[in-house]
């Protein structure tokens, strides 16, 4: 992979937790990325609005990423007044980079399977590679995909080892990640019950949650 290849990982991060951070780290290593850009969504269009405000989610992400130079926090979607769509974000990032610098959009399997419901989804491939995080032993194959996505997958799929030769974007690959049974939903449920989610997310993030009384029932 290009020495300056940049990973992109979006999400609501409501709140950010160790599952997010481990995914970003394993993507960085598997894809040989120079850095992973963490992009909290301001107004996610594909799901219910987050439980905490965009400003709180941004603040928690900033605390989680402190002193981690391999990750960079991107606040553009939070600051924007428009819904958070992936293609405009990738267009903005592509404009900031050298023409031959690869962008790699990191997605979980569920997000990838739902890709055809995304706004302007086919345009993603003109801007970035797509790397799908899977559990160990799982094989991503065309039979799982709906017709529209299957066609793109059959044209673009490449082995992880072949990705460095695929240019600045346009390929689909997958990598195995360590499965961690951590979810923001479960963390919010623990907090709503007055129970502790410590060791599921960074202490600084948990301290922020308690200080601002987030996710209380």
N, C-alpha and C. Protein backbone atom coordinates (compact mmCIF):
# COMPACT_ATOMS: atom_id res chain seq x y z
N UNK A 1 0.85 -1.20 0.00
CA UNK A 1 0.00 0.00 0.00
C UNK A 1 0.88 1.24 0.00
N UNK A 2 0.44 2.27 -0.66
CA UNK A 2 1.09 3.58 -0.70
C UNK A 2 1.46 4.02 0.71
N UNK A 3 2.64 4.61 0.84
CA UNK A 3 3.15 4.98 2.18
C UNK A 3 2.23 5.91 2.93
N UNK A 4 1.37 6.65 2.22
CA UNK A 4 0.49 7.61 2.88
C UNK A 4 -0.98 7.19 2.80
N UNK A 5 -1.25 5.92 2.57
CA UNK A 5 -2.63 5.44 2.47
C UNK A 5 -3.40 5.79 3.73
N UNK A 6 -4.61 6.32 3.53
CA UNK A 6 -5.41 6.81 4.64
C UNK A 6 -6.66 5.96 4.80
N UNK A 7 -6.91 5.47 6.01
CA UNK A 7 -8.13 4.77 6.32
C UNK A 7 -9.21 5.73 6.79
N UNK A 8 -10.46 5.39 6.51
CA UNK A 8 -11.60 6.22 6.88
C UNK A 8 -12.61 5.33 7.61
N UNK A 9 -12.97 5.73 8.81
CA UNK A 9 -13.94 4.95 9.58
C UNK A 9 -14.96 5.89 10.19
N UNK A 10 -16.19 5.80 9.73
CA UNK A 10 -17.26 6.63 10.25
C UNK A 10 -18.16 5.86 11.19
N UNK A 11 -19.05 6.59 11.85
CA UNK A 11 -19.99 5.96 12.76
C UNK A 11 -20.60 6.99 13.68
N UNK A 12 -21.59 6.57 14.46
CA UNK A 12 -22.16 7.49 15.43
C UNK A 12 -21.29 7.61 16.67
N UNK A 13 -20.59 6.51 17.03
CA UNK A 13 -19.71 6.52 18.22
C UNK A 13 -20.48 7.06 19.43
N UNK A 14 -21.52 6.31 19.79
CA UNK A 14 -22.50 6.78 20.79
C UNK A 14 -22.64 5.80 21.97
N UNK A 15 -21.58 5.60 22.78
CA UNK A 15 -20.27 6.28 22.77
C UNK A 15 -19.20 5.46 22.05
N UNK A 16 -18.07 6.08 21.79
CA UNK A 16 -16.91 5.37 21.26
C UNK A 16 -16.41 4.40 22.32
N UNK A 17 -15.96 3.20 21.89
CA UNK A 17 -15.53 2.18 22.85
C UNK A 17 -14.36 1.38 22.29
N UNK A 18 -13.89 0.40 23.07
CA UNK A 18 -12.70 -0.34 22.67
C UNK A 18 -12.93 -1.19 21.42
N UNK A 19 -14.17 -1.59 21.14
CA UNK A 19 -14.44 -2.30 19.90
C UNK A 19 -14.14 -1.44 18.69
N UNK A 20 -14.53 -0.16 18.75
CA UNK A 20 -14.20 0.78 17.66
C UNK A 20 -12.69 0.93 17.52
N UNK A 21 -12.02 1.13 18.64
CA UNK A 21 -10.58 1.39 18.59
C UNK A 21 -9.80 0.18 18.10
N UNK A 22 -10.25 -1.02 18.51
CA UNK A 22 -9.56 -2.23 18.07
C UNK A 22 -9.77 -2.45 16.57
N UNK A 23 -10.99 -2.19 16.08
CA UNK A 23 -11.23 -2.30 14.65
C UNK A 23 -10.34 -1.35 13.88
N UNK A 24 -10.24 -0.11 14.32
CA UNK A 24 -9.39 0.86 13.63
C UNK A 24 -7.92 0.43 13.64
N UNK A 25 -7.47 -0.12 14.76
CA UNK A 25 -6.06 -0.54 14.86
C UNK A 25 -5.79 -1.75 13.98
N UNK A 26 -6.70 -2.72 13.96
CA UNK A 26 -6.47 -3.90 13.14
C UNK A 26 -6.58 -3.56 11.66
N UNK A 27 -7.46 -2.63 11.30
CA UNK A 27 -7.51 -2.17 9.92
C UNK A 27 -6.21 -1.48 9.53
N UNK A 28 -5.70 -0.65 10.41
CA UNK A 28 -4.44 0.06 10.13
C UNK A 28 -3.31 -0.92 9.85
N UNK A 29 -3.24 -1.97 10.67
CA UNK A 29 -2.17 -2.94 10.49
C UNK A 29 -2.39 -3.82 9.26
N UNK A 30 -3.60 -4.35 9.10
CA UNK A 30 -3.85 -5.27 8.00
C UNK A 30 -3.73 -4.59 6.65
N UNK A 31 -4.14 -3.32 6.56
CA UNK A 31 -4.15 -2.59 5.30
C UNK A 31 -2.92 -1.71 5.12
N UNK A 32 -2.06 -1.71 6.13
CA UNK A 32 -0.81 -0.92 6.09
C UNK A 32 -1.11 0.56 5.86
N UNK A 33 -2.00 1.08 6.67
CA UNK A 33 -2.42 2.47 6.55
C UNK A 33 -1.49 3.38 7.35
N UNK A 34 -1.25 4.55 6.85
CA UNK A 34 -0.44 5.51 7.60
C UNK A 34 -1.22 6.06 8.78
N UNK A 35 -2.54 6.12 8.64
CA UNK A 35 -3.39 6.68 9.70
C UNK A 35 -4.83 6.29 9.40
N UNK A 36 -5.66 6.26 10.43
CA UNK A 36 -7.09 6.05 10.26
C UNK A 36 -7.81 7.30 10.72
N UNK A 37 -8.64 7.86 9.85
CA UNK A 37 -9.42 9.05 10.17
C UNK A 37 -10.75 8.60 10.78
N UNK A 38 -11.02 8.99 12.01
CA UNK A 38 -12.25 8.65 12.71
C UNK A 38 -13.23 9.81 12.52
N UNK A 39 -14.42 9.52 11.96
CA UNK A 39 -15.34 10.58 11.58
C UNK A 39 -16.71 10.35 12.23
N UNK A 40 -16.97 10.99 13.37
CA UNK A 40 -18.31 10.88 13.96
C UNK A 40 -19.35 11.55 13.05
N UNK A 41 -20.48 10.86 12.89
CA UNK A 41 -21.57 11.42 12.08
C UNK A 41 -22.29 12.51 12.86
N UNK A 42 -22.64 13.58 12.17
CA UNK A 42 -23.42 14.62 12.81
C UNK A 42 -24.90 14.27 12.83
N UNK A 43 -25.44 14.04 11.63
CA UNK A 43 -26.86 13.67 11.48
C UNK A 43 -26.93 12.44 10.59
N UNK A 44 -26.77 11.24 11.16
CA UNK A 44 -26.77 10.03 10.34
C UNK A 44 -28.12 9.82 9.66
N UNK A 45 -28.15 9.65 8.33
CA UNK A 45 -29.43 9.56 7.62
C UNK A 45 -30.03 8.16 7.60
N UNK A 46 -29.24 7.12 7.92
CA UNK A 46 -29.70 5.75 7.73
C UNK A 46 -30.23 5.11 9.01
N UNK A 47 -30.27 5.83 10.10
CA UNK A 47 -30.66 5.22 11.36
C UNK A 47 -31.28 6.27 12.27
N UNK A 48 -31.83 5.81 13.41
CA UNK A 48 -32.39 6.75 14.37
C UNK A 48 -31.30 7.69 14.88
N UNK A 49 -31.72 8.87 15.28
CA UNK A 49 -30.75 9.84 15.77
C UNK A 49 -30.06 9.31 17.04
N UNK A 50 -28.77 9.60 17.21
CA UNK A 50 -28.03 9.11 18.38
C UNK A 50 -28.65 9.58 19.69
N UNK A 51 -28.31 8.86 20.76
CA UNK A 51 -28.84 9.20 22.09
C UNK A 51 -28.17 10.42 22.67
N UNK A 52 -26.92 10.66 22.35
CA UNK A 52 -26.21 11.84 22.85
C UNK A 52 -25.97 12.81 21.70
N UNK A 53 -25.71 14.06 22.04
CA UNK A 53 -25.55 15.09 21.03
C UNK A 53 -24.28 14.88 20.21
N UNK A 54 -24.25 15.49 19.05
CA UNK A 54 -23.05 15.42 18.21
C UNK A 54 -21.84 15.99 18.93
N UNK A 55 -22.03 17.07 19.68
CA UNK A 55 -20.92 17.68 20.40
C UNK A 55 -20.39 16.75 21.48
N UNK A 56 -21.29 16.06 22.19
CA UNK A 56 -20.83 15.11 23.21
C UNK A 56 -20.10 13.93 22.57
N UNK A 57 -20.62 13.42 21.48
CA UNK A 57 -19.97 12.30 20.81
C UNK A 57 -18.60 12.69 20.27
N UNK A 58 -18.51 13.91 19.77
CA UNK A 58 -17.21 14.41 19.30
C UNK A 58 -16.24 14.55 20.46
N UNK A 59 -16.71 15.08 21.58
CA UNK A 59 -15.84 15.26 22.75
C UNK A 59 -15.35 13.91 23.27
N UNK A 60 -16.23 12.91 23.31
CA UNK A 60 -15.81 11.59 23.78
C UNK A 60 -14.80 10.96 22.83
N UNK A 61 -15.00 11.13 21.53
CA UNK A 61 -14.03 10.60 20.57
C UNK A 61 -12.68 11.29 20.73
N UNK A 62 -12.71 12.59 20.98
CA UNK A 62 -11.45 13.33 21.16
C UNK A 62 -10.70 12.79 22.38
N UNK A 63 -11.40 12.50 23.45
CA UNK A 63 -10.76 11.93 24.64
C UNK A 63 -10.20 10.54 24.35
N UNK A 64 -10.95 9.72 23.63
CA UNK A 64 -10.52 8.36 23.34
C UNK A 64 -9.28 8.33 22.46
N UNK A 65 -9.13 9.31 21.58
CA UNK A 65 -8.03 9.31 20.61
C UNK A 65 -6.83 10.11 21.08
N UNK A 66 -6.94 10.73 22.24
CA UNK A 66 -5.81 11.51 22.76
C UNK A 66 -4.58 10.62 22.89
N UNK A 67 -3.45 11.13 22.45
CA UNK A 67 -2.17 10.41 22.55
C UNK A 67 -2.13 9.15 21.68
N UNK A 68 -2.97 9.08 20.66
CA UNK A 68 -2.94 7.95 19.71
C UNK A 68 -2.70 8.52 18.31
N UNK A 69 -1.44 8.78 17.94
CA UNK A 69 -1.16 9.45 16.68
C UNK A 69 -1.54 8.64 15.45
N UNK A 70 -1.76 7.33 15.60
CA UNK A 70 -2.16 6.52 14.45
C UNK A 70 -3.60 6.78 14.03
N UNK A 71 -4.33 7.51 14.88
CA UNK A 71 -5.71 7.88 14.58
C UNK A 71 -5.82 9.40 14.55
N UNK A 72 -6.74 9.90 13.72
CA UNK A 72 -7.00 11.34 13.68
C UNK A 72 -8.50 11.56 13.72
N UNK A 73 -8.93 12.51 14.51
CA UNK A 73 -10.36 12.82 14.62
C UNK A 73 -10.73 13.87 13.58
N UNK A 74 -11.78 13.60 12.83
CA UNK A 74 -12.27 14.51 11.80
C UNK A 74 -13.66 14.99 12.24
N UNK A 75 -13.79 16.29 12.51
CA UNK A 75 -15.05 16.83 13.03
C UNK A 75 -15.94 17.44 11.96
N UNK A 76 -15.60 17.25 10.69
CA UNK A 76 -16.29 17.96 9.62
C UNK A 76 -17.78 17.62 9.57
N UNK A 77 -18.13 16.33 9.72
CA UNK A 77 -19.55 15.96 9.63
C UNK A 77 -20.34 16.51 10.80
N UNK A 78 -19.72 16.58 11.97
CA UNK A 78 -20.40 17.16 13.13
C UNK A 78 -20.63 18.65 12.92
N UNK A 79 -19.65 19.32 12.34
CA UNK A 79 -19.76 20.77 12.13
C UNK A 79 -20.70 21.13 10.98
N UNK A 80 -20.89 20.23 10.04
CA UNK A 80 -21.75 20.51 8.90
C UNK A 80 -23.21 20.50 9.32
N UNK A 81 -24.02 21.28 8.64
CA UNK A 81 -25.45 21.36 8.95
C UNK A 81 -26.26 20.35 8.14
N UNK A 82 -25.61 19.68 7.17
CA UNK A 82 -26.31 18.74 6.31
C UNK A 82 -26.22 17.33 6.87
N UNK A 83 -27.09 16.41 6.44
CA UNK A 83 -26.97 15.01 6.85
C UNK A 83 -25.60 14.44 6.47
N UNK A 84 -25.15 13.47 7.21
CA UNK A 84 -23.81 12.91 7.03
C UNK A 84 -23.84 11.79 5.99
N UNK A 85 -23.44 12.10 4.78
CA UNK A 85 -23.36 11.11 3.72
C UNK A 85 -21.90 10.81 3.41
N UNK A 86 -21.62 9.56 3.03
CA UNK A 86 -20.24 9.11 2.86
C UNK A 86 -19.58 9.71 1.63
N UNK A 87 -20.28 9.79 0.51
CA UNK A 87 -19.63 10.25 -0.72
C UNK A 87 -19.11 11.68 -0.60
N UNK A 88 -19.89 12.65 -0.11
CA UNK A 88 -19.32 13.99 0.04
C UNK A 88 -18.11 14.02 0.97
N UNK A 89 -18.12 13.19 2.01
CA UNK A 89 -16.96 13.13 2.91
C UNK A 89 -15.74 12.60 2.16
N UNK A 90 -15.91 11.55 1.38
CA UNK A 90 -14.78 11.01 0.61
C UNK A 90 -14.32 12.01 -0.45
N UNK A 91 -15.25 12.73 -1.06
CA UNK A 91 -14.85 13.75 -2.03
C UNK A 91 -14.00 14.83 -1.37
N UNK A 92 -14.40 15.23 -0.18
CA UNK A 92 -13.61 16.25 0.54
C UNK A 92 -12.21 15.72 0.86
N UNK A 93 -12.13 14.49 1.36
CA UNK A 93 -10.83 13.92 1.70
C UNK A 93 -9.98 13.73 0.45
N UNK A 94 -10.60 13.27 -0.61
CA UNK A 94 -9.84 13.07 -1.85
C UNK A 94 -9.25 14.40 -2.32
N UNK A 95 -9.96 15.49 -2.12
CA UNK A 95 -9.44 16.80 -2.50
C UNK A 95 -8.27 17.26 -1.67
N UNK A 96 -8.11 16.67 -0.48
CA UNK A 96 -7.01 17.04 0.40
C UNK A 96 -5.74 16.23 0.14
N UNK A 97 -5.86 15.14 -0.60
CA UNK A 97 -4.76 14.19 -0.75
C UNK A 97 -4.13 14.27 -2.13
N UNK A 98 -2.93 13.69 -2.24
CA UNK A 98 -2.33 13.52 -3.56
C UNK A 98 -3.22 12.63 -4.41
N UNK A 99 -3.19 12.86 -5.70
CA UNK A 99 -4.08 12.13 -6.61
C UNK A 99 -3.89 10.63 -6.52
N UNK A 100 -2.66 10.17 -6.27
CA UNK A 100 -2.39 8.73 -6.24
C UNK A 100 -2.42 8.14 -4.84
N UNK A 101 -2.82 8.92 -3.84
CA UNK A 101 -2.85 8.44 -2.46
C UNK A 101 -4.13 7.62 -2.23
N UNK A 102 -4.02 6.37 -1.83
CA UNK A 102 -5.21 5.56 -1.61
C UNK A 102 -6.02 6.02 -0.41
N UNK A 103 -7.33 6.00 -0.58
CA UNK A 103 -8.28 6.11 0.52
C UNK A 103 -8.90 4.74 0.72
N UNK A 104 -9.07 4.32 1.95
CA UNK A 104 -9.66 3.01 2.24
C UNK A 104 -10.80 3.20 3.23
N UNK A 105 -12.02 2.96 2.77
CA UNK A 105 -13.20 3.04 3.63
C UNK A 105 -13.36 1.72 4.36
N UNK A 106 -13.31 1.75 5.68
CA UNK A 106 -13.40 0.55 6.50
C UNK A 106 -14.85 0.35 6.95
N UNK A 107 -15.41 -0.82 6.62
CA UNK A 107 -16.80 -1.13 6.95
C UNK A 107 -16.89 -2.49 7.61
N UNK A 108 -17.87 -2.65 8.49
CA UNK A 108 -18.23 -3.97 8.97
C UNK A 108 -19.07 -4.68 7.93
N UNK A 109 -19.24 -6.00 8.09
CA UNK A 109 -19.98 -6.79 7.11
C UNK A 109 -21.41 -6.28 6.95
N UNK A 110 -22.09 -6.00 8.07
CA UNK A 110 -23.49 -5.57 7.98
C UNK A 110 -23.62 -4.27 7.19
N UNK A 111 -22.70 -3.33 7.44
CA UNK A 111 -22.73 -2.07 6.70
C UNK A 111 -22.49 -2.31 5.22
N UNK A 112 -21.55 -3.20 4.91
CA UNK A 112 -21.26 -3.49 3.51
C UNK A 112 -22.45 -4.12 2.81
N UNK A 113 -23.13 -5.05 3.45
CA UNK A 113 -24.29 -5.69 2.84
C UNK A 113 -25.40 -4.68 2.57
N UNK A 114 -25.47 -3.63 3.38
CA UNK A 114 -26.49 -2.60 3.19
C UNK A 114 -26.06 -1.47 2.29
N UNK A 115 -24.90 -1.58 1.67
CA UNK A 115 -24.34 -0.48 0.88
C UNK A 115 -25.29 0.04 -0.21
N UNK A 116 -26.05 -0.82 -0.90
CA UNK A 116 -26.93 -0.29 -1.95
C UNK A 116 -28.02 0.67 -1.46
N UNK A 117 -28.25 0.72 -0.16
CA UNK A 117 -29.23 1.69 0.37
C UNK A 117 -28.60 3.05 0.64
N UNK A 118 -27.28 3.17 0.47
CA UNK A 118 -26.60 4.42 0.76
C UNK A 118 -26.76 5.42 -0.39
N UNK A 119 -26.72 6.68 -0.04
CA UNK A 119 -26.81 7.77 -1.01
C UNK A 119 -25.60 7.74 -1.95
N UNK A 120 -25.86 7.68 -3.26
CA UNK A 120 -24.80 7.71 -4.28
C UNK A 120 -23.73 6.63 -4.05
N UNK A 121 -24.17 5.44 -3.64
CA UNK A 121 -23.22 4.45 -3.17
C UNK A 121 -22.21 3.99 -4.23
N UNK A 122 -22.63 3.93 -5.48
CA UNK A 122 -21.70 3.46 -6.52
C UNK A 122 -20.51 4.41 -6.70
N UNK A 123 -20.71 5.67 -6.35
CA UNK A 123 -19.64 6.65 -6.51
C UNK A 123 -18.51 6.46 -5.51
N UNK A 124 -18.77 5.69 -4.47
CA UNK A 124 -17.72 5.42 -3.47
C UNK A 124 -16.49 4.82 -4.14
N UNK A 125 -16.69 3.94 -5.11
CA UNK A 125 -15.57 3.21 -5.70
C UNK A 125 -14.67 4.08 -6.57
N UNK A 126 -15.18 5.20 -7.04
CA UNK A 126 -14.33 6.14 -7.78
C UNK A 126 -13.44 6.95 -6.84
N UNK A 127 -13.73 6.88 -5.55
CA UNK A 127 -13.04 7.71 -4.57
C UNK A 127 -12.16 6.91 -3.62
N UNK A 128 -12.50 5.65 -3.38
CA UNK A 128 -11.81 4.89 -2.33
C UNK A 128 -11.91 3.40 -2.58
N UNK A 129 -11.02 2.66 -1.96
CA UNK A 129 -11.19 1.23 -1.81
C UNK A 129 -12.18 0.99 -0.66
N UNK A 130 -12.77 -0.18 -0.62
CA UNK A 130 -13.63 -0.59 0.49
C UNK A 130 -13.03 -1.84 1.11
N UNK A 131 -12.76 -1.77 2.41
CA UNK A 131 -12.21 -2.91 3.15
C UNK A 131 -13.24 -3.36 4.18
N UNK A 132 -13.63 -4.61 4.09
CA UNK A 132 -14.70 -5.15 4.93
C UNK A 132 -14.10 -5.98 6.05
N UNK A 133 -14.40 -5.59 7.29
CA UNK A 133 -13.89 -6.31 8.46
C UNK A 133 -14.79 -7.51 8.73
N UNK A 134 -14.19 -8.69 8.78
CA UNK A 134 -14.95 -9.92 9.02
C UNK A 134 -14.39 -10.66 10.22
N UNK A 135 -15.18 -11.57 10.75
CA UNK A 135 -14.67 -12.42 11.82
C UNK A 135 -13.72 -13.45 11.23
N UNK A 136 -12.78 -13.99 12.02
CA UNK A 136 -11.85 -15.01 11.52
C UNK A 136 -12.61 -16.21 10.96
N UNK A 137 -12.17 -16.69 9.81
CA UNK A 137 -12.79 -17.85 9.19
C UNK A 137 -13.97 -17.53 8.29
N UNK A 138 -14.42 -16.28 8.29
CA UNK A 138 -15.56 -15.87 7.48
C UNK A 138 -15.06 -15.49 6.09
N UNK A 139 -15.76 -15.94 5.06
CA UNK A 139 -15.40 -15.59 3.69
C UNK A 139 -16.49 -14.74 3.07
N UNK A 140 -16.12 -13.57 2.63
CA UNK A 140 -17.06 -12.69 1.93
C UNK A 140 -17.19 -13.19 0.50
N UNK A 141 -18.42 -13.50 0.07
CA UNK A 141 -18.58 -14.01 -1.30
C UNK A 141 -19.83 -13.43 -1.95
N UNK A 142 -19.86 -13.53 -3.26
CA UNK A 142 -20.91 -12.87 -4.04
C UNK A 142 -22.29 -13.42 -3.73
N UNK A 143 -22.40 -14.67 -3.32
CA UNK A 143 -23.70 -15.29 -3.08
C UNK A 143 -24.48 -14.59 -1.97
N UNK A 144 -23.78 -13.90 -1.07
CA UNK A 144 -24.43 -13.21 0.04
C UNK A 144 -25.06 -11.88 -0.36
N UNK A 145 -24.73 -11.38 -1.54
CA UNK A 145 -25.01 -9.99 -1.88
C UNK A 145 -26.24 -9.89 -2.79
N UNK A 146 -26.92 -8.74 -2.69
CA UNK A 146 -28.02 -8.52 -3.62
C UNK A 146 -27.44 -8.24 -5.01
N UNK A 147 -28.31 -8.22 -6.01
CA UNK A 147 -27.83 -8.19 -7.40
C UNK A 147 -26.96 -6.98 -7.70
N UNK A 148 -27.35 -5.81 -7.23
CA UNK A 148 -26.59 -4.59 -7.53
C UNK A 148 -25.20 -4.65 -6.93
N UNK A 149 -25.12 -5.05 -5.68
CA UNK A 149 -23.82 -5.09 -5.02
C UNK A 149 -22.99 -6.26 -5.54
N UNK A 150 -23.65 -7.35 -5.92
CA UNK A 150 -22.93 -8.51 -6.44
C UNK A 150 -22.13 -8.14 -7.67
N UNK A 151 -22.73 -7.35 -8.55
CA UNK A 151 -22.02 -6.96 -9.76
C UNK A 151 -20.78 -6.15 -9.46
N UNK A 152 -20.88 -5.21 -8.53
CA UNK A 152 -19.71 -4.42 -8.14
C UNK A 152 -18.65 -5.31 -7.49
N UNK A 153 -19.10 -6.21 -6.63
CA UNK A 153 -18.16 -7.09 -5.93
C UNK A 153 -17.40 -7.98 -6.93
N UNK A 154 -18.11 -8.54 -7.89
CA UNK A 154 -17.45 -9.44 -8.85
C UNK A 154 -16.43 -8.69 -9.71
N UNK A 155 -16.69 -7.42 -9.98
CA UNK A 155 -15.73 -6.63 -10.76
C UNK A 155 -14.53 -6.16 -9.95
N UNK A 156 -14.76 -5.95 -8.65
CA UNK A 156 -13.77 -5.21 -7.87
C UNK A 156 -13.06 -6.02 -6.79
N UNK A 157 -13.53 -7.21 -6.46
CA UNK A 157 -12.95 -7.97 -5.35
C UNK A 157 -11.49 -8.30 -5.62
N UNK A 158 -10.68 -8.14 -4.59
CA UNK A 158 -9.27 -8.53 -4.69
C UNK A 158 -8.81 -9.06 -3.34
N UNK A 159 -7.78 -9.87 -3.38
CA UNK A 159 -7.20 -10.38 -2.15
C UNK A 159 -6.53 -9.24 -1.40
N UNK A 160 -6.48 -9.36 -0.09
CA UNK A 160 -5.84 -8.32 0.73
C UNK A 160 -4.41 -8.09 0.28
N UNK A 161 -3.71 -9.15 -0.06
CA UNK A 161 -2.31 -9.02 -0.47
C UNK A 161 -2.15 -8.28 -1.79
N UNK A 162 -3.22 -8.25 -2.60
CA UNK A 162 -3.16 -7.58 -3.90
C UNK A 162 -3.57 -6.12 -3.84
N UNK A 163 -4.08 -5.67 -2.71
CA UNK A 163 -4.60 -4.31 -2.62
C UNK A 163 -3.56 -3.23 -2.94
N UNK A 164 -2.29 -3.38 -2.52
CA UNK A 164 -1.33 -2.32 -2.84
C UNK A 164 -1.17 -2.04 -4.33
N UNK A 165 -1.53 -2.99 -5.17
CA UNK A 165 -1.39 -2.77 -6.61
C UNK A 165 -2.64 -2.25 -7.28
N UNK A 166 -3.64 -1.84 -6.50
CA UNK A 166 -4.94 -1.46 -7.06
C UNK A 166 -5.12 0.05 -7.23
N UNK A 167 -4.09 0.83 -6.96
CA UNK A 167 -4.19 2.26 -7.18
C UNK A 167 -4.83 3.00 -6.01
N UNK A 168 -5.45 4.15 -6.31
CA UNK A 168 -5.95 5.04 -5.26
C UNK A 168 -7.33 4.65 -4.76
N UNK A 169 -8.04 3.80 -5.50
CA UNK A 169 -9.39 3.41 -5.08
C UNK A 169 -9.98 2.43 -6.06
N UNK A 170 -11.19 1.93 -5.73
CA UNK A 170 -11.92 1.10 -6.67
C UNK A 170 -11.99 -0.37 -6.36
N UNK A 171 -11.21 -0.87 -5.40
CA UNK A 171 -11.20 -2.29 -5.09
C UNK A 171 -12.02 -2.58 -3.83
N UNK A 172 -12.45 -3.84 -3.72
CA UNK A 172 -13.10 -4.33 -2.52
C UNK A 172 -12.27 -5.49 -1.98
N UNK A 173 -11.92 -5.41 -0.71
CA UNK A 173 -11.18 -6.49 -0.08
C UNK A 173 -11.74 -6.71 1.31
N UNK A 174 -11.24 -7.71 2.00
CA UNK A 174 -11.69 -7.99 3.37
C UNK A 174 -10.51 -8.38 4.23
N UNK A 175 -10.67 -8.20 5.51
CA UNK A 175 -9.64 -8.60 6.46
C UNK A 175 -10.32 -9.11 7.72
N UNK A 176 -9.69 -10.07 8.38
CA UNK A 176 -10.24 -10.64 9.61
C UNK A 176 -9.86 -9.77 10.79
N UNK A 177 -10.80 -9.60 11.70
CA UNK A 177 -10.51 -8.83 12.91
C UNK A 177 -10.90 -9.65 14.13
N UNK A 178 -10.30 -9.32 15.26
CA UNK A 178 -10.60 -9.99 16.51
C UNK A 178 -12.03 -9.65 16.94
N UNK A 179 -12.89 -10.66 17.11
CA UNK A 179 -14.26 -10.35 17.53
C UNK A 179 -14.31 -9.95 19.00
N UNK A 180 -14.86 -8.79 19.26
CA UNK A 180 -15.03 -8.30 20.63
C UNK A 180 -16.52 -8.07 20.87
N UNK A 181 -17.04 -8.70 21.91
CA UNK A 181 -18.48 -8.58 22.20
C UNK A 181 -18.76 -7.28 22.96
N UNK A 182 -18.47 -6.16 22.30
CA UNK A 182 -18.68 -4.84 22.88
C UNK A 182 -19.55 -4.06 21.91
N UNK A 183 -20.59 -3.44 22.41
CA UNK A 183 -21.43 -2.60 21.56
C UNK A 183 -21.84 -1.35 22.32
N UNK A 184 -22.04 -0.28 21.57
CA UNK A 184 -22.52 0.96 22.20
C UNK A 184 -23.90 0.75 22.80
N UNK A 185 -24.73 -0.06 22.16
CA UNK A 185 -26.07 -0.34 22.69
C UNK A 185 -25.98 -0.98 24.07
N UNK A 186 -25.10 -1.97 24.22
CA UNK A 186 -24.95 -2.64 25.52
C UNK A 186 -24.39 -1.69 26.57
N UNK A 187 -23.47 -0.83 26.18
CA UNK A 187 -22.90 0.13 27.12
C UNK A 187 -23.98 1.10 27.59
N UNK A 188 -24.79 1.59 26.68
CA UNK A 188 -25.87 2.50 27.07
C UNK A 188 -26.86 1.80 28.00
N UNK A 189 -27.13 0.52 27.75
CA UNK A 189 -28.07 -0.22 28.59
C UNK A 189 -27.51 -0.39 30.01
N UNK A 190 -26.23 -0.67 30.11
CA UNK A 190 -25.61 -0.77 31.44
C UNK A 190 -25.73 0.54 32.19
N UNK A 191 -25.43 1.63 31.53
CA UNK A 191 -25.49 2.94 32.18
C UNK A 191 -26.92 3.29 32.59
N UNK A 192 -27.88 2.94 31.75
CA UNK A 192 -29.28 3.23 32.08
C UNK A 192 -29.73 2.46 33.31
N UNK A 193 -29.13 1.28 33.53
CA UNK A 193 -29.47 0.47 34.71
C UNK A 193 -28.64 0.85 35.93
N UNK A 194 -27.76 1.82 35.77
CA UNK A 194 -26.90 2.21 36.87
C UNK A 194 -25.74 1.26 37.11
N UNK A 195 -25.41 0.44 36.11
CA UNK A 195 -24.31 -0.51 36.21
C UNK A 195 -23.07 0.05 35.51
N UNK A 196 -21.92 -0.54 35.80
CA UNK A 196 -20.66 0.00 35.28
C UNK A 196 -20.24 -0.67 33.99
N UNK A 197 -19.91 0.11 32.95
CA UNK A 197 -19.32 -0.44 31.74
C UNK A 197 -17.79 -0.31 31.72
N UNK A 198 -17.19 -0.11 32.86
CA UNK A 198 -15.74 0.07 32.90
C UNK A 198 -15.03 -1.11 32.25
N UNK A 199 -13.95 -0.84 31.56
CA UNK A 199 -13.14 -1.77 30.80
C UNK A 199 -13.76 -2.14 29.44
N UNK A 200 -14.88 -1.52 29.09
CA UNK A 200 -15.44 -1.65 27.75
C UNK A 200 -15.14 -0.42 26.89
N UNK A 201 -14.72 0.65 27.54
CA UNK A 201 -14.41 1.91 26.86
C UNK A 201 -13.35 2.64 27.67
N UNK A 202 -12.66 3.59 27.07
CA UNK A 202 -11.59 4.29 27.80
C UNK A 202 -12.11 5.00 29.05
N UNK A 203 -11.29 5.01 30.10
CA UNK A 203 -11.69 5.64 31.36
C UNK A 203 -12.06 7.11 31.17
N UNK A 204 -11.33 7.80 30.29
CA UNK A 204 -11.61 9.23 30.08
C UNK A 204 -13.00 9.42 29.49
N UNK A 205 -13.42 8.50 28.63
CA UNK A 205 -14.75 8.58 28.04
C UNK A 205 -15.81 8.29 29.10
N UNK A 206 -15.57 7.28 29.93
CA UNK A 206 -16.52 6.97 30.99
C UNK A 206 -16.64 8.12 31.98
N UNK A 207 -15.52 8.74 32.32
CA UNK A 207 -15.57 9.90 33.22
C UNK A 207 -16.40 11.03 32.61
N UNK A 208 -16.25 11.24 31.31
CA UNK A 208 -17.03 12.28 30.63
C UNK A 208 -18.52 11.95 30.71
N UNK A 209 -18.86 10.69 30.47
CA UNK A 209 -20.27 10.26 30.51
C UNK A 209 -20.87 10.54 31.89
N UNK A 210 -20.12 10.17 32.93
CA UNK A 210 -20.64 10.38 34.29
C UNK A 210 -20.75 11.88 34.60
N UNK A 211 -19.75 12.64 34.20
CA UNK A 211 -19.74 14.07 34.50
C UNK A 211 -20.92 14.78 33.83
N UNK A 212 -21.27 14.33 32.63
CA UNK A 212 -22.33 15.01 31.87
C UNK A 212 -23.66 14.26 31.96
N UNK A 213 -23.71 13.22 32.79
CA UNK A 213 -24.95 12.47 33.03
C UNK A 213 -25.57 11.95 31.74
N UNK A 214 -24.72 11.38 30.87
CA UNK A 214 -25.21 10.84 29.61
C UNK A 214 -25.76 9.42 29.82
N UNK A 215 -26.73 9.08 29.03
CA UNK A 215 -27.30 7.74 28.96
C UNK A 215 -27.98 7.28 30.25
N UNK A 216 -28.27 8.21 31.14
CA UNK A 216 -28.97 7.82 32.36
C UNK A 216 -30.44 7.57 32.03
N UNK A 217 -31.05 6.65 32.74
CA UNK A 217 -32.45 6.31 32.46
C UNK A 217 -33.34 7.45 32.99
